[in-house]
Amino acid sequence: MGTHTLTLHTVSTPYVLTVAYSALDKPFDTVDLTRPATLLLGTIEHLNRVEVTSGTDRFALTSSEASAKLGFDVKELGRDEAKLLAYSRSLDD
């Protein structure tokens, strides 16, 4: 999507990963960040929230929100190979 930095906030819970874009290849509002954020939340065991920023634009997704959208605990993506493969395949759709 563009030039970015990653910051992990792990001093206290909830643990957060922030992806901050300083330059974008396309408009922020045209990109669906839900799928990659869900993948991060599912495969990083103690991660509770993913935030993506670009200037004043913001996106955030929590483990609870991702689980509700999936219909199962998002952390199962990191523990169940079949669920991870099925989710990965859905990203290609």
N, C-alpha and C. Protein backbone atom coordinates (compact mmCIF):
# COMPACT_ATOMS: atom_id res chain seq x y z
N MET A 1 0.81 -1.20 0.00
CA MET A 1 0.00 0.00 0.00
C MET A 1 0.85 1.26 0.00
N GLY A 2 2.09 1.17 0.47
CA GLY A 2 2.92 2.34 0.50
C GLY A 2 4.00 2.26 1.56
N THR A 3 4.61 3.38 1.85
CA THR A 3 5.67 3.45 2.84
C THR A 3 5.06 3.46 4.24
N HIS A 4 5.56 2.59 5.12
CA HIS A 4 4.96 2.48 6.44
C HIS A 4 5.99 2.09 7.51
N THR A 5 5.58 2.26 8.75
CA THR A 5 6.33 1.77 9.89
C THR A 5 5.40 0.91 10.73
N LEU A 6 5.99 -0.04 11.45
CA LEU A 6 5.24 -0.90 12.37
C LEU A 6 5.67 -0.57 13.79
N THR A 7 4.71 -0.50 14.68
CA THR A 7 5.01 -0.28 16.09
C THR A 7 4.21 -1.27 16.91
N LEU A 8 4.90 -1.99 17.79
CA LEU A 8 4.23 -2.90 18.72
C LEU A 8 4.11 -2.21 20.07
N HIS A 9 2.91 -2.21 20.63
CA HIS A 9 2.66 -1.64 21.94
C HIS A 9 2.42 -2.81 22.90
N THR A 10 3.46 -3.19 23.64
CA THR A 10 3.39 -4.40 24.47
C THR A 10 3.73 -4.15 25.94
N VAL A 11 3.76 -2.89 26.35
CA VAL A 11 4.06 -2.59 27.75
C VAL A 11 2.92 -3.06 28.66
N SER A 12 1.69 -2.86 28.20
CA SER A 12 0.53 -3.32 28.96
C SER A 12 -0.57 -3.73 27.99
N THR A 13 -1.49 -4.54 28.47
CA THR A 13 -2.59 -4.98 27.63
C THR A 13 -3.61 -3.86 27.49
N PRO A 14 -4.35 -3.77 26.43
CA PRO A 14 -4.31 -4.69 25.29
C PRO A 14 -3.08 -4.44 24.42
N TYR A 15 -2.54 -5.51 23.87
CA TYR A 15 -1.38 -5.41 22.99
C TYR A 15 -1.84 -4.98 21.60
N VAL A 16 -1.15 -3.99 21.05
CA VAL A 16 -1.58 -3.36 19.81
C VAL A 16 -0.43 -3.33 18.81
N LEU A 17 -0.75 -3.58 17.56
CA LEU A 17 0.18 -3.38 16.45
C LEU A 17 -0.35 -2.20 15.66
N THR A 18 0.48 -1.19 15.49
CA THR A 18 0.10 -0.02 14.69
C THR A 18 0.93 -0.01 13.41
N VAL A 19 0.23 0.10 12.30
CA VAL A 19 0.86 0.27 10.99
C VAL A 19 0.57 1.71 10.58
N ALA A 20 1.63 2.51 10.50
CA ALA A 20 1.47 3.94 10.18
C ALA A 20 2.04 4.20 8.79
N TYR A 21 1.19 4.60 7.88
CA TYR A 21 1.61 4.91 6.51
C TYR A 21 1.98 6.38 6.39
N SER A 22 3.16 6.64 5.85
CA SER A 22 3.57 8.02 5.59
C SER A 22 3.31 8.40 4.13
N ALA A 23 3.17 7.40 3.27
CA ALA A 23 2.84 7.61 1.86
C ALA A 23 2.04 6.41 1.38
N LEU A 24 0.98 6.67 0.64
CA LEU A 24 0.11 5.61 0.15
C LEU A 24 0.15 5.52 -1.37
N ASP A 25 -0.01 4.30 -1.88
CA ASP A 25 -0.08 4.07 -3.32
C ASP A 25 -1.48 4.33 -3.87
N LYS A 26 -2.49 4.29 -2.99
CA LYS A 26 -3.87 4.56 -3.38
C LYS A 26 -4.62 5.16 -2.19
N PRO A 27 -5.80 5.72 -2.40
CA PRO A 27 -6.52 6.35 -1.30
C PRO A 27 -6.84 5.37 -0.17
N PHE A 28 -6.68 5.84 1.05
CA PHE A 28 -6.90 5.03 2.25
C PHE A 28 -8.29 4.41 2.26
N ASP A 29 -9.30 5.21 1.90
CA ASP A 29 -10.68 4.73 2.00
C ASP A 29 -11.07 3.72 0.94
N THR A 30 -10.18 3.42 0.00
CA THR A 30 -10.51 2.42 -1.03
C THR A 30 -9.94 1.05 -0.69
N VAL A 31 -9.24 0.94 0.42
CA VAL A 31 -8.58 -0.31 0.78
C VAL A 31 -9.32 -0.96 1.94
N ASP A 32 -9.69 -2.24 1.79
CA ASP A 32 -10.31 -2.99 2.88
C ASP A 32 -9.20 -3.61 3.71
N LEU A 33 -9.03 -3.13 4.91
CA LEU A 33 -7.96 -3.59 5.79
C LEU A 33 -8.40 -4.71 6.72
N THR A 34 -9.67 -5.09 6.65
CA THR A 34 -10.20 -6.09 7.57
C THR A 34 -9.51 -7.44 7.43
N ARG A 35 -9.33 -7.92 6.23
CA ARG A 35 -8.75 -9.25 6.03
C ARG A 35 -7.31 -9.35 6.53
N PRO A 36 -6.42 -8.44 6.14
CA PRO A 36 -5.06 -8.56 6.66
C PRO A 36 -4.98 -8.35 8.18
N ALA A 37 -5.82 -7.47 8.72
CA ALA A 37 -5.83 -7.26 10.17
C ALA A 37 -6.32 -8.52 10.88
N THR A 38 -7.31 -9.17 10.31
CA THR A 38 -7.82 -10.42 10.88
C THR A 38 -6.72 -11.48 10.88
N LEU A 39 -5.98 -11.57 9.80
CA LEU A 39 -4.89 -12.54 9.71
C LEU A 39 -3.83 -12.27 10.79
N LEU A 40 -3.49 -11.01 10.99
CA LEU A 40 -2.52 -10.66 12.04
C LEU A 40 -3.06 -11.03 13.42
N LEU A 41 -4.30 -10.68 13.69
CA LEU A 41 -4.90 -10.98 14.99
C LEU A 41 -4.98 -12.49 15.24
N GLY A 42 -5.22 -13.25 14.18
CA GLY A 42 -5.35 -14.69 14.33
C GLY A 42 -4.05 -15.42 14.50
N THR A 43 -2.99 -14.88 13.95
CA THR A 43 -1.72 -15.62 13.95
C THR A 43 -0.68 -15.08 14.94
N ILE A 44 -0.95 -13.96 15.57
CA ILE A 44 -0.06 -13.44 16.61
C ILE A 44 -0.81 -13.62 17.93
N GLU A 45 -0.37 -14.58 18.70
CA GLU A 45 -1.12 -15.08 19.85
C GLU A 45 -1.63 -14.01 20.81
N HIS A 46 -0.81 -13.09 21.24
CA HIS A 46 -1.22 -12.14 22.27
C HIS A 46 -1.66 -10.79 21.72
N LEU A 47 -1.76 -10.67 20.41
CA LEU A 47 -2.18 -9.41 19.81
C LEU A 47 -3.68 -9.22 20.00
N ASN A 48 -4.07 -8.04 20.51
CA ASN A 48 -5.48 -7.76 20.80
C ASN A 48 -6.13 -6.77 19.84
N ARG A 49 -5.29 -5.96 19.17
CA ARG A 49 -5.84 -4.90 18.33
C ARG A 49 -4.84 -4.54 17.24
N VAL A 50 -5.34 -4.29 16.05
CA VAL A 50 -4.53 -3.79 14.94
C VAL A 50 -5.07 -2.42 14.58
N GLU A 51 -4.16 -1.46 14.48
CA GLU A 51 -4.52 -0.10 14.07
C GLU A 51 -3.73 0.25 12.83
N VAL A 52 -4.38 0.90 11.88
CA VAL A 52 -3.71 1.37 10.67
C VAL A 52 -4.03 2.85 10.55
N THR A 53 -2.98 3.65 10.34
CA THR A 53 -3.16 5.09 10.22
C THR A 53 -2.46 5.63 8.99
N SER A 54 -2.99 6.73 8.49
CA SER A 54 -2.35 7.49 7.42
C SER A 54 -2.85 8.92 7.56
N GLY A 55 -1.99 9.78 8.08
CA GLY A 55 -2.44 11.14 8.35
C GLY A 55 -3.58 11.11 9.36
N THR A 56 -4.72 11.67 8.98
CA THR A 56 -5.88 11.68 9.88
C THR A 56 -6.80 10.47 9.67
N ASP A 57 -6.51 9.64 8.67
CA ASP A 57 -7.31 8.44 8.42
C ASP A 57 -6.94 7.35 9.42
N ARG A 58 -7.96 6.62 9.90
CA ARG A 58 -7.75 5.59 10.91
C ARG A 58 -8.60 4.36 10.62
N PHE A 59 -8.03 3.20 10.94
CA PHE A 59 -8.75 1.92 10.89
C PHE A 59 -8.29 1.13 12.11
N ALA A 60 -9.20 0.43 12.75
CA ALA A 60 -8.83 -0.42 13.88
C ALA A 60 -9.73 -1.65 13.89
N LEU A 61 -9.16 -2.76 14.33
CA LEU A 61 -9.91 -4.00 14.48
C LEU A 61 -9.39 -4.72 15.71
N THR A 62 -10.30 -5.16 16.57
CA THR A 62 -9.92 -5.91 17.77
C THR A 62 -10.14 -7.40 17.54
N SER A 63 -9.57 -8.20 18.41
CA SER A 63 -9.77 -9.65 18.34
C SER A 63 -11.25 -10.00 18.47
N SER A 64 -11.94 -9.32 19.37
CA SER A 64 -13.37 -9.58 19.57
C SER A 64 -14.18 -9.27 18.32
N GLU A 65 -13.88 -8.15 17.68
CA GLU A 65 -14.59 -7.77 16.45
C GLU A 65 -14.31 -8.77 15.33
N ALA A 66 -13.05 -9.17 15.19
CA ALA A 66 -12.69 -10.15 14.15
C ALA A 66 -13.37 -11.48 14.42
N SER A 67 -13.40 -11.90 15.67
CA SER A 67 -14.06 -13.17 16.02
C SER A 67 -15.54 -13.12 15.68
N ALA A 68 -16.19 -12.01 15.97
CA ALA A 68 -17.62 -11.86 15.66
C ALA A 68 -17.86 -11.96 14.16
N LYS A 69 -16.98 -11.36 13.36
CA LYS A 69 -17.14 -11.41 11.90
C LYS A 69 -16.90 -12.82 11.35
N LEU A 70 -15.94 -13.53 11.96
CA LEU A 70 -15.62 -14.89 11.49
C LEU A 70 -16.64 -15.92 11.95
N GLY A 71 -17.23 -15.69 13.12
CA GLY A 71 -18.15 -16.68 13.69
C GLY A 71 -17.43 -17.70 14.55
N PHE A 72 -16.15 -17.46 14.81
CA PHE A 72 -15.37 -18.31 15.72
C PHE A 72 -14.21 -17.47 16.24
N ASP A 73 -13.54 -17.96 17.28
CA ASP A 73 -12.42 -17.23 17.88
C ASP A 73 -11.31 -17.03 16.85
N VAL A 74 -10.97 -15.77 16.57
CA VAL A 74 -9.95 -15.46 15.58
C VAL A 74 -8.63 -16.16 15.89
N LYS A 75 -8.34 -16.41 17.15
CA LYS A 75 -7.08 -17.04 17.54
C LYS A 75 -6.98 -18.48 17.03
N GLU A 76 -8.12 -19.05 16.65
CA GLU A 76 -8.10 -20.40 16.06
C GLU A 76 -7.34 -20.43 14.74
N LEU A 77 -7.23 -19.30 14.06
CA LEU A 77 -6.46 -19.26 12.81
C LEU A 77 -5.00 -19.64 13.07
N GLY A 78 -4.49 -19.29 14.23
CA GLY A 78 -3.12 -19.62 14.58
C GLY A 78 -2.95 -20.99 15.20
N ARG A 79 -4.07 -21.62 15.54
CA ARG A 79 -4.01 -22.94 16.20
C ARG A 79 -4.56 -24.08 15.34
N ASP A 80 -5.29 -23.74 14.30
CA ASP A 80 -5.96 -24.76 13.49
C ASP A 80 -5.58 -24.55 12.02
N GLU A 81 -4.73 -25.44 11.52
CA GLU A 81 -4.22 -25.30 10.16
C GLU A 81 -5.33 -25.27 9.12
N ALA A 82 -6.36 -26.09 9.30
CA ALA A 82 -7.46 -26.14 8.34
C ALA A 82 -8.20 -24.79 8.28
N LYS A 83 -8.41 -24.17 9.43
CA LYS A 83 -9.09 -22.87 9.45
C LYS A 83 -8.21 -21.79 8.81
N LEU A 84 -6.91 -21.87 9.08
CA LEU A 84 -5.99 -20.90 8.49
C LEU A 84 -5.96 -21.05 6.97
N LEU A 85 -5.91 -22.27 6.49
CA LEU A 85 -5.91 -22.50 5.04
C LEU A 85 -7.21 -22.02 4.40
N ALA A 86 -8.33 -22.32 5.06
CA ALA A 86 -9.62 -21.88 4.51
C ALA A 86 -9.69 -20.36 4.48
N TYR A 87 -9.20 -19.71 5.53
CA TYR A 87 -9.21 -18.25 5.55
C TYR A 87 -8.28 -17.70 4.48
N SER A 88 -7.10 -18.27 4.35
CA SER A 88 -6.14 -17.83 3.34
C SER A 88 -6.74 -17.94 1.94
N ARG A 89 -7.44 -19.01 1.69
CA ARG A 89 -8.08 -19.19 0.37
C ARG A 89 -9.15 -18.13 0.14
N SER A 90 -9.85 -17.74 1.20
CA SER A 90 -10.90 -16.74 1.04
C SER A 90 -10.30 -15.37 0.70
N LEU A 91 -9.03 -15.15 1.02
CA LEU A 91 -8.38 -13.88 0.70
C LEU A 91 -8.17 -13.74 -0.80
N ASP A 92 -8.12 -14.86 -1.51
CA ASP A 92 -7.92 -14.84 -2.95
C ASP A 92 -9.21 -14.54 -3.72
N ASP A 93 -10.35 -14.64 -3.02
CA ASP A 93 -11.65 -14.42 -3.68
C ASP A 93 -11.87 -12.97 -4.00
